[in-house]
Amino acid sequence: MNTITSLFTGRIENRADIGARVYRKSLEVLREAQYPEGGTSPSFEGSRYAGNIYPRDHAYAILAYTSAGLYVEAKKALTFILTAERSANEVLFQRYGQDQKSSSNKPPQIDGNALTVLALADYVRKTGDTEFAKRHRSDLEQLLSGLSHSLNTFPKGDLIFGINGNIEFAPYEEGFELYTNACAVAAFRDAGELFSGILNDATYGENCSRTANRLRDGMANYLYIPEYGGFVPLIRREPNPSVVEVANLTAFQALTDFVVFPLDDERIRTSMAFHLAGTKNELMAGYNRYAASIGRHNFGNGPWPREMLRQAWYFARIGDSEQARECLDWCLHVALLNEEVPLGLPEHVVPREEMVKEYNVLMRTFDVIGREERKKEYEKNIGGVMDTKYGVCYPVNPLVWSHAMFVIVWNEVGDKL
């Protein structure tokens, strides 16, 4: 067995104790990452994400706060994002400063609307905070309106079109994306329950539920392409209409996280097999976020703890305890190896040689495109991360989303493994 492979394999006998320690570390990270204004940053000073709040990462932090019973933190975070500046079409911006104003360097990511709706619905469902739901009803409606503004109607269902999705590779960022549409189905579904119940507006609730069903039909009829292995990550519309058929685990996992289709649905099983096969990393004994890095500046393509945790969650819910334990134990190995942030979970893990290669290429690229300030920033925040005695690197360490996912999954299935 390769030395690197051995770092991440092997059953952890005292899983409950180590898991509890990583859980406590996760709560510590989540608390420290929240600014007084309520926004939660993806990481800390010294990382390339420091100082900004990204709605996508922020929503998962809220789900984790709520899961852990940290309702004060969840409410502060929700208030921050629900009252933050939005685009003319009521779409949350790609990222924010602590002043709730856009600090974006990319177009809006519409899935942020959907995830924020999900986080709000989850908070209200678990706390019974009806006053908060009523106070922010207008904000909720506007977030849903932002989603509807990008909705396209077809003969066999609807799909939402996004201009900057979760695939994060420029040629694939714009189109009918699997991740965005899965999040939107769940958002309209949960909003329908919220309006029909606590908000006492059955008509609006029925409209939301109808939209969720139409979007689900659109996914089933257009994004599910068995000839390409199952649910595909994206259908591009412009400038060259095409189907992105490469495996992308993070895009597909939104369907299982939010149970857009029953987990025992044959389409889910076949699609999961396709995306797992295409993202398997034998050297690192885990699953990558996507099949290849192809120009993404993440400093190498290795397994991401948050995706491994989402996979553990899926396996546990379908009764595959063995694979669930393997995915969870992989994350515990990562936490135990983390010397820079003891028990911390990074964004992803890559072999040192691959990170050095990607880093050097990016530095030369910055010279070509004239991004001297960005180059200095990366030299400061990334350069030192490549020093490691284990032969692997943690490019962003810790990552709040990884810790948020640990809290959610540990609370859901940790005691069952």
Protein backbone atom coordinates (compact mmCIF):
# COMPACT_ATOMS: atom_id res chain seq x y z
CA MET A 1 0.00 0.00 0.00
CA ASN A 2 1.25 3.48 -0.90
CA THR A 3 2.42 5.53 2.09
CA ILE A 4 -0.08 8.30 1.34
CA THR A 5 -2.92 5.80 0.95
CA SER A 6 -2.17 4.32 4.35
CA LEU A 7 -2.66 7.71 6.01
CA PHE A 8 -6.38 7.64 5.27
CA THR A 9 -7.31 3.99 5.60
CA GLY A 10 -7.97 1.66 8.48
CA ARG A 11 -10.85 1.41 10.87
CA ILE A 12 -10.80 3.85 13.78
CA GLU A 13 -11.66 1.76 16.81
CA ASN A 14 -12.40 4.63 19.20
CA ARG A 15 -14.60 6.37 16.66
CA ALA A 16 -17.13 7.67 19.17
CA ASP A 17 -14.46 9.42 21.25
CA ILE A 18 -12.56 10.90 18.31
CA GLY A 19 -15.80 11.85 16.59
CA ALA A 20 -16.94 13.68 19.72
CA ARG A 21 -13.65 15.57 19.83
CA VAL A 22 -13.91 16.59 16.16
CA TYR A 23 -17.52 17.58 16.82
CA ARG A 24 -16.45 19.91 19.64
CA LYS A 25 -13.73 21.33 17.40
CA SER A 26 -16.33 21.88 14.70
CA LEU A 27 -18.53 23.89 17.05
CA GLU A 28 -15.50 25.94 18.05
CA VAL A 29 -14.69 26.67 14.39
CA LEU A 30 -18.29 27.60 13.61
CA ARG A 31 -18.48 29.99 16.53
CA GLU A 32 -15.14 31.63 15.79
CA ALA A 33 -15.99 32.10 12.11
CA GLN A 34 -19.12 34.15 12.86
CA TYR A 35 -18.65 37.89 12.87
CA PRO A 36 -20.54 40.06 15.39
CA GLU A 37 -22.84 41.20 12.58
CA GLY A 38 -23.96 37.60 12.09
CA GLY A 39 -22.18 36.66 8.87
CA THR A 40 -20.07 33.48 8.94
CA SER A 41 -16.87 33.41 6.91
CA PRO A 42 -15.72 30.21 5.13
CA SER A 43 -12.37 30.33 6.92
CA PHE A 44 -10.01 32.51 8.95
CA GLU A 45 -7.34 35.12 8.34
CA GLY A 46 -4.58 33.72 6.18
CA SER A 47 -6.92 31.84 3.84
CA ARG A 48 -8.05 33.00 0.41
CA TYR A 49 -11.65 33.24 1.66
CA ALA A 50 -10.99 35.37 4.74
CA GLY A 51 -13.08 38.47 5.34
CA ASN A 52 -15.99 37.53 3.05
CA ILE A 53 -19.30 35.76 3.54
CA TYR A 54 -20.45 33.40 0.77
CA PRO A 55 -24.21 32.61 0.83
CA ARG A 56 -23.61 28.98 -0.12
CA ASP A 57 -21.12 28.26 2.68
CA HIS A 58 -23.10 30.53 5.01
CA ALA A 59 -26.29 28.51 4.54
CA TYR A 60 -24.57 25.27 5.52
CA ALA A 61 -23.17 27.02 8.59
CA ILE A 62 -26.74 27.98 9.54
CA LEU A 63 -27.92 24.39 9.05
CA ALA A 64 -25.08 23.31 11.36
CA TYR A 65 -25.89 25.93 14.00
CA THR A 66 -29.49 24.75 14.02
CA SER A 67 -28.49 21.08 14.06
CA ALA A 68 -26.30 21.72 17.11
CA GLY A 69 -28.97 23.71 18.94
CA LEU A 70 -26.99 26.95 18.56
CA TYR A 71 -30.17 28.85 17.83
CA VAL A 72 -28.84 32.30 18.76
CA GLU A 73 -26.02 31.92 16.23
CA ALA A 74 -28.43 30.53 13.62
CA LYS A 75 -30.82 33.44 14.06
CA LYS A 76 -28.02 36.01 13.80
CA ALA A 77 -26.71 34.38 10.65
CA LEU A 78 -30.17 34.21 9.10
CA THR A 79 -30.88 37.84 9.92
CA PHE A 80 -27.60 38.85 8.30
CA ILE A 81 -28.25 37.10 5.00
CA LEU A 82 -32.01 37.75 4.80
CA THR A 83 -31.46 41.49 5.09
CA ALA A 84 -28.31 41.66 2.95
CA GLU A 85 -28.14 43.54 -0.33
CA ARG A 86 -29.59 41.65 -3.30
CA SER A 87 -29.50 42.09 -7.06
CA ALA A 88 -32.27 43.82 -9.00
CA ASN A 89 -33.81 40.36 -9.56
CA GLU A 90 -33.72 39.55 -5.82
CA VAL A 91 -30.78 37.14 -6.15
CA LEU A 92 -28.15 37.00 -3.42
CA PHE A 93 -24.73 38.09 -4.56
CA GLN A 94 -21.81 35.67 -4.81
CA ARG A 95 -20.22 37.03 -1.63
CA TYR A 96 -20.55 39.82 0.93
CA GLY A 97 -18.49 41.95 3.24
CA GLN A 98 -19.39 42.28 6.90
CA ASP A 99 -21.48 45.37 5.99
CA GLN A 100 -23.97 43.15 4.07
CA LYS A 101 -22.91 44.78 0.79
CA SER A 102 -21.69 42.83 -2.22
CA SER A 103 -17.96 42.17 -2.34
CA SER A 104 -18.35 39.83 -5.30
CA ASN A 105 -15.69 38.99 -7.85
CA LYS A 106 -18.05 36.73 -9.82
CA PRO A 107 -21.71 36.82 -10.93
CA PRO A 108 -24.46 35.88 -8.44
CA GLN A 109 -24.91 32.20 -7.56
CA ILE A 110 -28.63 31.61 -7.53
CA ASP A 111 -28.39 28.45 -5.45
CA GLY A 112 -27.60 30.79 -2.53
CA ASN A 113 -31.27 31.83 -2.60
CA ALA A 114 -32.41 28.23 -2.43
CA LEU A 115 -30.01 27.23 0.34
CA THR A 116 -30.97 30.27 2.42
CA VAL A 117 -34.65 29.34 2.11
CA LEU A 118 -33.77 25.80 3.22
CA ALA A 119 -31.81 27.12 6.20
CA LEU A 120 -34.68 29.40 7.23
CA ALA A 121 -37.26 26.62 6.94
CA ASP A 122 -35.04 24.25 8.94
CA TYR A 123 -34.53 26.83 11.69
CA VAL A 124 -38.26 27.60 11.99
CA ARG A 125 -39.19 23.91 11.89
CA LYS A 126 -36.80 23.02 14.71
CA THR A 127 -37.28 26.09 16.92
CA GLY A 128 -40.94 26.91 16.36
CA ASP A 129 -39.89 30.57 16.04
CA THR A 130 -43.03 31.69 14.25
CA GLU A 131 -42.40 35.38 14.94
CA PHE A 132 -39.11 35.22 13.06
CA ALA A 133 -40.77 33.51 10.10
CA LYS A 134 -43.52 36.13 9.99
CA ARG A 135 -41.07 39.01 10.36
CA HIS A 136 -39.08 37.79 7.37
CA ARG A 137 -41.96 36.62 5.21
CA SER A 138 -41.26 39.38 2.68
CA ASP A 139 -37.58 38.41 2.50
CA LEU A 140 -38.57 34.77 1.99
CA GLU A 141 -40.94 35.69 -0.82
CA GLN A 142 -38.27 37.80 -2.49
CA LEU A 143 -35.73 34.97 -2.36
CA LEU A 144 -38.28 32.66 -3.98
CA SER A 145 -39.04 35.35 -6.54
CA GLY A 146 -35.34 35.49 -7.37
CA LEU A 147 -35.42 31.77 -8.09
CA SER A 148 -38.62 32.04 -10.14
CA HIS A 149 -37.13 34.83 -12.24
CA SER A 150 -34.65 32.29 -13.66
CA LEU A 151 -37.22 29.54 -14.14
CA ASN A 152 -37.72 28.19 -17.66
CA THR A 153 -40.83 26.24 -18.64
CA PHE A 154 -40.62 23.22 -20.93
CA PRO A 155 -43.22 20.64 -22.06
CA LYS A 156 -42.19 18.04 -19.48
CA GLY A 157 -41.21 20.23 -16.55
CA ASP A 158 -39.32 23.35 -15.50
CA LEU A 159 -35.63 24.10 -14.95
CA ILE A 160 -33.79 27.02 -13.42
CA PHE A 161 -31.05 28.63 -15.46
CA GLY A 162 -28.01 29.92 -13.59
CA ILE A 163 -25.10 32.07 -14.68
CA ASN A 164 -22.59 30.97 -12.02
CA GLY A 165 -23.07 27.53 -10.57
CA ASN A 166 -21.35 25.09 -8.24
CA ILE A 167 -19.23 23.40 -10.93
CA GLU A 168 -16.79 26.34 -10.73
CA PHE A 169 -15.13 25.91 -14.09
CA ALA A 170 -15.75 28.86 -16.38
CA PRO A 171 -16.98 26.99 -19.50
CA TYR A 172 -19.42 25.02 -17.32
CA GLU A 173 -20.66 27.75 -15.00
CA GLU A 174 -23.66 28.90 -17.01
CA GLY A 175 -26.61 26.64 -17.79
CA PHE A 176 -29.25 24.35 -16.36
CA GLU A 177 -27.27 22.95 -13.46
CA LEU A 178 -28.11 19.83 -11.47
CA TYR A 179 -26.97 21.28 -8.15
CA THR A 180 -28.94 24.51 -8.44
CA ASN A 181 -32.11 22.77 -9.54
CA ALA A 182 -31.89 20.16 -6.77
CA CYS A 183 -31.52 22.92 -4.18
CA ALA A 184 -34.43 24.81 -5.74
CA VAL A 185 -36.73 21.76 -5.60
CA ALA A 186 -36.02 21.38 -1.89
CA ALA A 187 -36.40 25.13 -1.27
CA PHE A 188 -39.83 25.38 -2.92
CA ARG A 189 -40.91 22.14 -1.24
CA ASP A 190 -39.96 23.37 2.23
CA ALA A 191 -41.31 26.87 1.56
CA GLY A 192 -44.62 25.28 0.58
CA GLU A 193 -44.79 23.56 3.95
CA LEU A 194 -43.84 26.78 5.73
CA PHE A 195 -46.50 28.88 4.01
CA SER A 196 -49.21 26.23 4.32
CA GLY A 197 -48.45 25.83 8.02
CA ILE A 198 -46.94 28.57 10.18
CA LEU A 199 -47.49 31.41 7.69
CA ASN A 200 -51.10 30.37 7.15
CA ASP A 201 -51.23 31.02 3.41
CA ALA A 202 -52.39 27.81 1.77
CA THR A 203 -52.60 29.35 -1.71
CA TYR A 204 -49.01 30.56 -1.70
CA GLY A 205 -47.93 27.25 -0.18
CA GLU A 206 -49.67 25.28 -2.92
CA ASN A 207 -47.99 27.41 -5.57
CA CYS A 208 -44.60 26.68 -4.04
CA SER A 209 -45.32 22.95 -3.92
CA ARG A 210 -46.47 23.03 -7.52
CA THR A 211 -43.25 24.74 -8.56
CA ALA A 212 -41.21 22.13 -6.67
CA ASN A 213 -43.02 19.34 -8.52
CA ARG A 214 -42.53 21.01 -11.90
CA LEU A 215 -38.82 21.42 -11.22
CA ARG A 216 -38.54 17.81 -10.11
CA ASP A 217 -40.23 16.77 -13.35
CA GLY A 218 -37.78 18.91 -15.30
CA MET A 219 -34.83 17.25 -13.61
CA ALA A 220 -36.24 13.78 -14.24
CA ASN A 221 -37.03 14.44 -17.89
CA TYR A 222 -34.09 16.59 -18.95
CA LEU A 223 -31.16 16.28 -16.53
CA TYR A 224 -31.50 12.52 -16.15
CA ILE A 225 -29.77 11.10 -19.24
CA PRO A 226 -29.12 7.37 -18.79
CA GLU A 227 -26.95 7.28 -21.91
CA TYR A 228 -24.50 9.46 -19.98
CA GLY A 229 -24.68 7.50 -16.73
CA GLY A 230 -27.65 9.15 -15.02
CA PHE A 231 -28.17 12.69 -13.75
CA VAL A 232 -25.72 14.97 -15.57
CA PRO A 233 -24.14 18.02 -13.93
CA LEU A 234 -25.21 20.61 -16.50
CA ILE A 235 -26.88 21.37 -19.81
CA ARG A 236 -25.25 24.36 -21.48
CA ARG A 237 -27.35 26.74 -23.54
CA GLU A 238 -24.91 29.38 -24.78
CA PRO A 239 -22.69 29.86 -26.67
CA ASN A 240 -22.41 26.18 -27.61
CA PRO A 241 -25.36 24.05 -26.49
CA SER A 242 -24.05 20.81 -25.02
CA VAL A 243 -24.32 18.37 -22.15
CA VAL A 244 -21.63 18.27 -19.49
CA GLU A 245 -21.36 14.54 -18.93
CA VAL A 246 -18.29 14.24 -16.69
CA ALA A 247 -18.70 12.98 -13.15
CA ASN A 248 -19.23 15.68 -10.52
CA LEU A 249 -19.96 14.31 -7.08
CA THR A 250 -20.77 17.61 -5.40
CA ALA A 251 -23.39 18.46 -8.03
CA PHE A 252 -25.12 15.13 -7.61
CA GLN A 253 -25.00 15.03 -3.80
CA ALA A 254 -27.54 17.84 -3.53
CA LEU A 255 -30.14 15.29 -4.70
CA THR A 256 -29.30 12.96 -1.82
CA ASP A 257 -28.68 15.64 0.83
CA PHE A 258 -32.16 17.06 0.35
CA VAL A 259 -33.85 13.83 -0.84
CA VAL A 260 -35.13 15.33 -4.09
CA PHE A 261 -36.02 11.78 -5.17
CA PRO A 262 -36.35 8.77 -2.86
CA LEU A 263 -32.90 7.41 -2.05
CA ASP A 264 -33.90 3.94 -3.25
CA ASP A 265 -34.97 5.32 -6.65
CA GLU A 266 -33.15 3.44 -9.40
CA ARG A 267 -32.15 6.75 -11.03
CA ILE A 268 -30.40 7.76 -7.82
CA ARG A 269 -28.60 4.42 -7.49
CA THR A 270 -27.32 4.36 -11.07
CA SER A 271 -26.31 8.02 -10.99
CA MET A 272 -24.49 7.61 -7.70
CA ALA A 273 -22.52 4.69 -9.12
CA PHE A 274 -21.53 6.82 -12.13
CA HIS A 275 -20.40 9.82 -10.10
CA LEU A 276 -18.53 7.72 -7.53
CA ALA A 277 -16.68 5.77 -10.22
CA GLY A 278 -15.68 8.99 -11.97
CA THR A 279 -14.38 10.71 -8.83
CA LYS A 280 -12.68 7.82 -7.03
CA ASN A 281 -9.17 8.74 -5.86
CA GLU A 282 -7.27 5.51 -5.24
CA LEU A 283 -4.12 7.23 -3.97
CA MET A 284 -5.99 9.27 -1.37
CA ALA A 285 -8.49 6.48 -0.60
CA GLY A 286 -11.47 8.79 -1.05
CA TYR A 287 -13.68 10.58 -3.56
CA ASN A 288 -12.81 13.84 -5.27
CA ARG A 289 -15.32 16.63 -5.69
CA TYR A 290 -15.05 16.37 -9.47
CA ALA A 291 -13.41 14.12 -12.03
CA ALA A 292 -10.51 16.44 -12.89
CA SER A 293 -9.42 19.90 -11.87
CA ILE A 294 -9.44 21.25 -15.49
CA GLY A 295 -8.44 24.79 -14.69
CA ARG A 296 -10.07 25.20 -11.31
CA HIS A 297 -7.65 27.03 -9.06
CA ASN A 298 -8.10 24.79 -6.02
CA PHE A 299 -4.45 23.71 -6.00
CA GLY A 300 -4.97 20.12 -6.95
CA ASN A 301 -7.79 17.63 -7.21
CA GLY A 302 -8.13 15.60 -4.03
CA PRO A 303 -10.94 14.41 -1.77
CA TRP A 304 -12.94 17.06 0.11
CA PRO A 305 -14.02 16.20 3.68
CA ARG A 306 -17.42 17.81 3.19
CA GLU A 307 -18.10 15.54 0.18
CA MET A 308 -16.85 12.50 2.08
CA LEU A 309 -19.19 13.40 4.94
CA ARG A 310 -22.13 13.87 2.59
CA GLN A 311 -21.30 10.46 1.16
CA ALA A 312 -21.23 8.93 4.65
CA TRP A 313 -24.66 10.46 5.24
CA TYR A 314 -26.02 8.90 2.04
CA PHE A 315 -24.56 5.45 2.72
CA ALA A 316 -25.88 5.47 6.31
CA ARG A 317 -29.38 6.37 5.17
CA ILE A 318 -29.53 3.53 2.64
CA GLY A 319 -28.28 1.07 5.25
CA ASP A 320 -24.72 0.63 3.95
CA SER A 321 -22.99 1.08 7.30
CA GLU A 322 -19.65 -0.29 6.11
CA GLN A 323 -19.16 2.32 3.39
CA ALA A 324 -20.58 5.01 5.65
CA ARG A 325 -17.97 4.19 8.29
CA GLU A 326 -15.18 4.22 5.71
CA CYS A 327 -16.14 7.72 4.57
CA LEU A 328 -16.51 9.00 8.13
CA ASP A 329 -13.24 7.39 9.25
CA TRP A 330 -11.45 9.02 6.31
CA CYS A 331 -12.46 12.41 7.70
CA LEU A 332 -11.37 11.45 11.21
CA HIS A 333 -7.97 10.42 9.83
CA VAL A 334 -7.70 13.84 8.15
CA ALA A 335 -8.54 15.60 11.41
CA LEU A 336 -6.03 13.53 13.39
CA LEU A 337 -3.25 14.27 10.87
CA ASN A 338 -3.89 18.01 11.00
CA GLU A 339 -0.95 19.56 12.83
CA GLU A 340 -1.59 23.17 11.79
CA VAL A 341 -5.17 23.13 13.14
CA PRO A 342 -5.48 20.17 15.53
CA LEU A 343 -8.65 18.19 14.77
CA GLY A 344 -9.47 20.65 12.01
CA LEU A 345 -11.05 19.71 8.69
CA PRO A 346 -9.68 21.47 5.58
CA GLU A 347 -11.28 22.27 2.25
CA HIS A 348 -9.61 19.31 0.58
CA VAL A 349 -6.48 17.17 0.72
CA VAL A 350 -3.98 16.85 -2.13
CA PRO A 351 -0.54 15.28 -2.63
CA ARG A 352 2.21 17.86 -2.13
CA GLU A 353 3.63 17.33 -5.63
CA GLU A 354 0.28 18.13 -7.21
CA MET A 355 -0.23 21.25 -5.14
CA VAL A 356 3.26 22.54 -5.93
CA LYS A 357 2.61 22.01 -9.63
CA GLU A 358 -0.76 23.80 -9.54
CA TYR A 359 0.66 26.64 -7.45
CA ASN A 360 3.58 27.25 -9.81
CA VAL A 361 1.31 27.22 -12.86
CA LEU A 362 -1.06 29.70 -11.24
CA MET A 363 1.75 32.05 -10.27
CA ARG A 364 2.93 32.15 -13.89
CA THR A 365 -0.65 32.70 -15.02
CA PHE A 366 -0.97 35.74 -12.78
CA ASP A 367 2.12 37.18 -14.46
CA VAL A 368 0.50 36.78 -17.87
CA ILE A 369 -2.86 38.32 -16.95
CA GLY A 370 -1.42 41.11 -14.81
CA ARG A 371 -2.81 40.12 -11.39
CA GLU A 372 0.13 41.20 -9.24
CA GLU A 373 -1.95 41.88 -6.11
CA ARG A 374 -3.67 38.51 -6.37
CA LYS A 375 -0.27 36.86 -6.83
CA LYS A 376 1.05 38.47 -3.64
CA GLU A 377 -2.09 37.39 -1.78
CA TYR A 378 -1.66 33.77 -2.87
CA GLU A 379 2.06 33.79 -2.13
CA LYS A 380 1.25 34.93 1.41
CA ASN A 381 -1.77 32.71 2.08
CA ILE A 382 -0.97 29.57 0.09
CA GLY A 383 2.82 29.35 -0.21
CA GLY A 384 3.44 28.15 3.35
CA VAL A 385 0.72 25.49 3.22
CA MET A 386 2.92 23.28 1.06
CA ASP A 387 5.30 22.49 3.92
CA THR A 388 4.22 19.12 5.28
CA LYS A 389 5.91 16.02 6.63
CA TYR A 390 3.20 13.64 5.46
CA GLY A 391 3.43 14.40 1.74
CA VAL A 392 -0.10 15.84 1.59
CA CYS A 393 -1.38 19.42 1.79
CA TYR A 394 -4.49 21.09 3.21
CA PRO A 395 -4.90 24.16 0.92
CA VAL A 396 -7.57 25.92 3.04
CA ASN A 397 -7.39 24.91 6.68
CA PRO A 398 -9.85 24.81 8.33
CA LEU A 399 -12.91 25.18 6.11
CA VAL A 400 -16.11 26.10 7.93
CA TRP A 401 -18.29 24.18 5.46
CA SER A 402 -16.34 20.99 6.24
CA HIS A 403 -16.97 21.48 9.95
CA ALA A 404 -20.61 22.40 9.34
CA MET A 405 -21.07 19.18 7.41
CA PHE A 406 -19.43 17.21 10.21
CA VAL A 407 -21.89 18.63 12.75
CA ILE A 408 -24.88 17.88 10.53
CA VAL A 409 -23.82 14.34 9.65
CA TRP A 410 -22.61 13.44 13.15
CA ASN A 411 -25.94 14.53 14.63
CA GLU A 412 -27.88 12.64 11.96
CA VAL A 413 -26.04 9.33 11.81
CA GLY A 414 -22.91 9.42 13.99
CA ASP A 415 -24.40 7.25 16.73
CA LYS A 416 -25.52 4.69 14.15
CA LEU A 417 -22.00 3.97 12.93
